[in-house]
Amino acid sequence: MPHRIQIFSGGCGVCREAEDIVEVGKCKDCSVEVISVDDRKNAKLVKEYGISAVPSIVIDGKIKVVGVPEFPWFCGDEFYRRLEMEFPLEKGGKRRVWVSRE
């Protein structure tokens, strides 16, 4: 099943590292969109997803990983079920997030 992956980026080296990890591990059917947090036209999405640090990765509007993933990224139903359990995006509530080593 294809997934919509949005990477909220500040254009920094750490953000590019996260972009590379996702790009290498995603399947050909998944879409990846890099969203600049510095662009005012993206302010609504930044607020909607509660983006307060970059990089932040939102998947299908249900999963939010903050920072550079320290796990291999690979497309697969099992992988996305694990992410959904470990990194749910709870709109309006507290979020469990991954915090990068940097």
Protein backbone atom coordinates (compact mmCIF):
# COMPACT_ATOMS: atom_id res chain seq x y z
CA MET A 1 0.00 0.00 0.00
CA PRO A 2 1.53 3.36 -0.96
CA HIS A 3 2.09 5.88 1.80
CA ARG A 4 2.26 9.66 1.80
CA ILE A 5 5.45 10.75 3.56
CA GLN A 6 5.92 14.42 4.38
CA ILE A 7 9.30 15.57 5.66
CA PHE A 8 9.22 18.93 7.40
CA SER A 9 12.63 20.45 6.81
CA GLY A 10 14.64 23.52 7.67
CA GLY A 11 17.10 22.79 4.88
CA CYS A 12 19.88 21.88 7.32
CA GLY A 13 22.31 18.98 7.06
CA VAL A 14 20.39 16.93 9.62
CA CYS A 15 17.21 17.45 7.59
CA ARG A 16 18.95 16.30 4.42
CA GLU A 17 20.17 13.20 6.28
CA ALA A 18 16.58 12.34 7.25
CA GLU A 19 15.44 12.97 3.66
CA ASP A 20 18.12 10.60 2.35
CA ILE A 21 17.21 7.85 4.83
CA VAL A 22 13.55 7.99 3.83
CA GLU A 23 14.29 8.25 0.10
CA VAL A 24 16.57 5.21 0.15
CA GLY A 25 14.13 3.10 2.18
CA LYS A 26 10.81 3.97 0.60
CA CYS A 27 9.24 1.88 -2.11
CA LYS A 28 8.53 3.25 -5.59
CA ASP A 29 4.81 3.60 -4.83
CA CYS A 30 5.23 5.83 -1.77
CA SER A 31 5.28 9.57 -2.27
CA VAL A 32 7.74 11.81 -0.45
CA GLU A 33 7.21 15.53 -0.11
CA VAL A 34 9.79 17.80 1.51
CA ILE A 35 8.03 20.72 3.17
CA SER A 36 10.01 23.81 4.11
CA VAL A 37 9.04 25.11 7.54
CA ASP A 38 10.46 28.48 6.49
CA ASP A 39 7.90 28.93 3.72
CA ARG A 40 4.85 30.84 5.00
CA LYS A 41 2.53 28.89 2.70
CA ASN A 42 3.24 25.80 4.83
CA ALA A 43 2.35 27.46 8.16
CA LYS A 44 -1.07 25.77 8.34
CA LEU A 45 0.42 22.27 7.96
CA VAL A 46 3.20 23.04 10.45
CA LYS A 47 0.58 24.10 13.00
CA GLU A 48 -1.82 21.23 12.19
CA TYR A 49 0.86 18.60 12.82
CA GLY A 50 2.43 20.43 15.77
CA ILE A 51 5.84 20.67 14.11
CA SER A 52 8.23 22.25 16.61
CA ALA A 53 11.52 20.69 15.49
CA VAL A 54 13.10 19.69 12.22
CA PRO A 55 13.34 17.26 10.68
CA SER A 56 9.87 15.90 11.42
CA ILE A 57 8.39 13.10 9.32
CA VAL A 58 4.62 12.70 9.03
CA ILE A 59 3.24 9.57 7.38
CA ASP A 60 -0.35 9.38 6.15
CA GLY A 61 -1.31 12.08 8.69
CA LYS A 62 -1.14 9.41 11.42
CA ILE A 63 2.53 8.94 12.28
CA LYS A 64 5.08 11.52 13.40
CA VAL A 65 8.80 10.85 13.81
CA VAL A 66 10.92 13.78 14.99
CA GLY A 67 14.63 13.84 14.25
CA VAL A 68 16.81 11.63 12.12
CA PRO A 69 15.53 8.05 12.37
CA GLU A 70 18.11 5.81 14.01
CA PHE A 71 16.49 2.74 12.52
CA PRO A 72 16.58 1.48 8.96
CA TRP A 73 13.74 2.79 6.85
CA PHE A 74 12.06 0.20 4.67
CA CYS A 75 8.59 0.08 3.18
CA GLY A 76 6.37 -2.70 4.33
CA ASP A 77 3.11 -3.17 6.18
CA GLU A 78 4.84 -4.48 9.30
CA PHE A 79 7.22 -1.49 9.40
CA TYR A 80 4.39 1.06 9.12
CA ARG A 81 2.28 -0.76 11.75
CA ARG A 82 5.27 -0.57 14.10
CA LEU A 83 5.71 3.14 13.42
CA GLU A 84 2.01 3.77 13.94
CA MET A 85 2.19 2.07 17.35
CA GLU A 86 5.44 3.73 18.45
CA PHE A 87 5.01 7.21 16.94
CA PRO A 88 1.29 8.03 16.69
CA LEU A 89 0.30 11.55 15.74
CA GLU A 90 -2.35 12.54 18.22
CA LYS A 91 -3.84 15.80 17.05
CA GLY A 92 -4.64 18.11 19.92
CA GLY A 93 -2.96 15.83 22.43
CA LYS A 94 0.44 14.72 23.55
CA ARG A 95 2.68 13.17 20.96
CA ARG A 96 5.22 10.40 21.40
CA VAL A 97 8.10 11.35 19.19
CA TRP A 98 11.56 10.20 18.30
CA VAL A 99 14.19 12.77 19.23
CA SER A 100 17.35 12.79 17.17
CA ARG A 101 20.78 12.40 18.63
CA GLU A 102 21.57 15.94 17.49
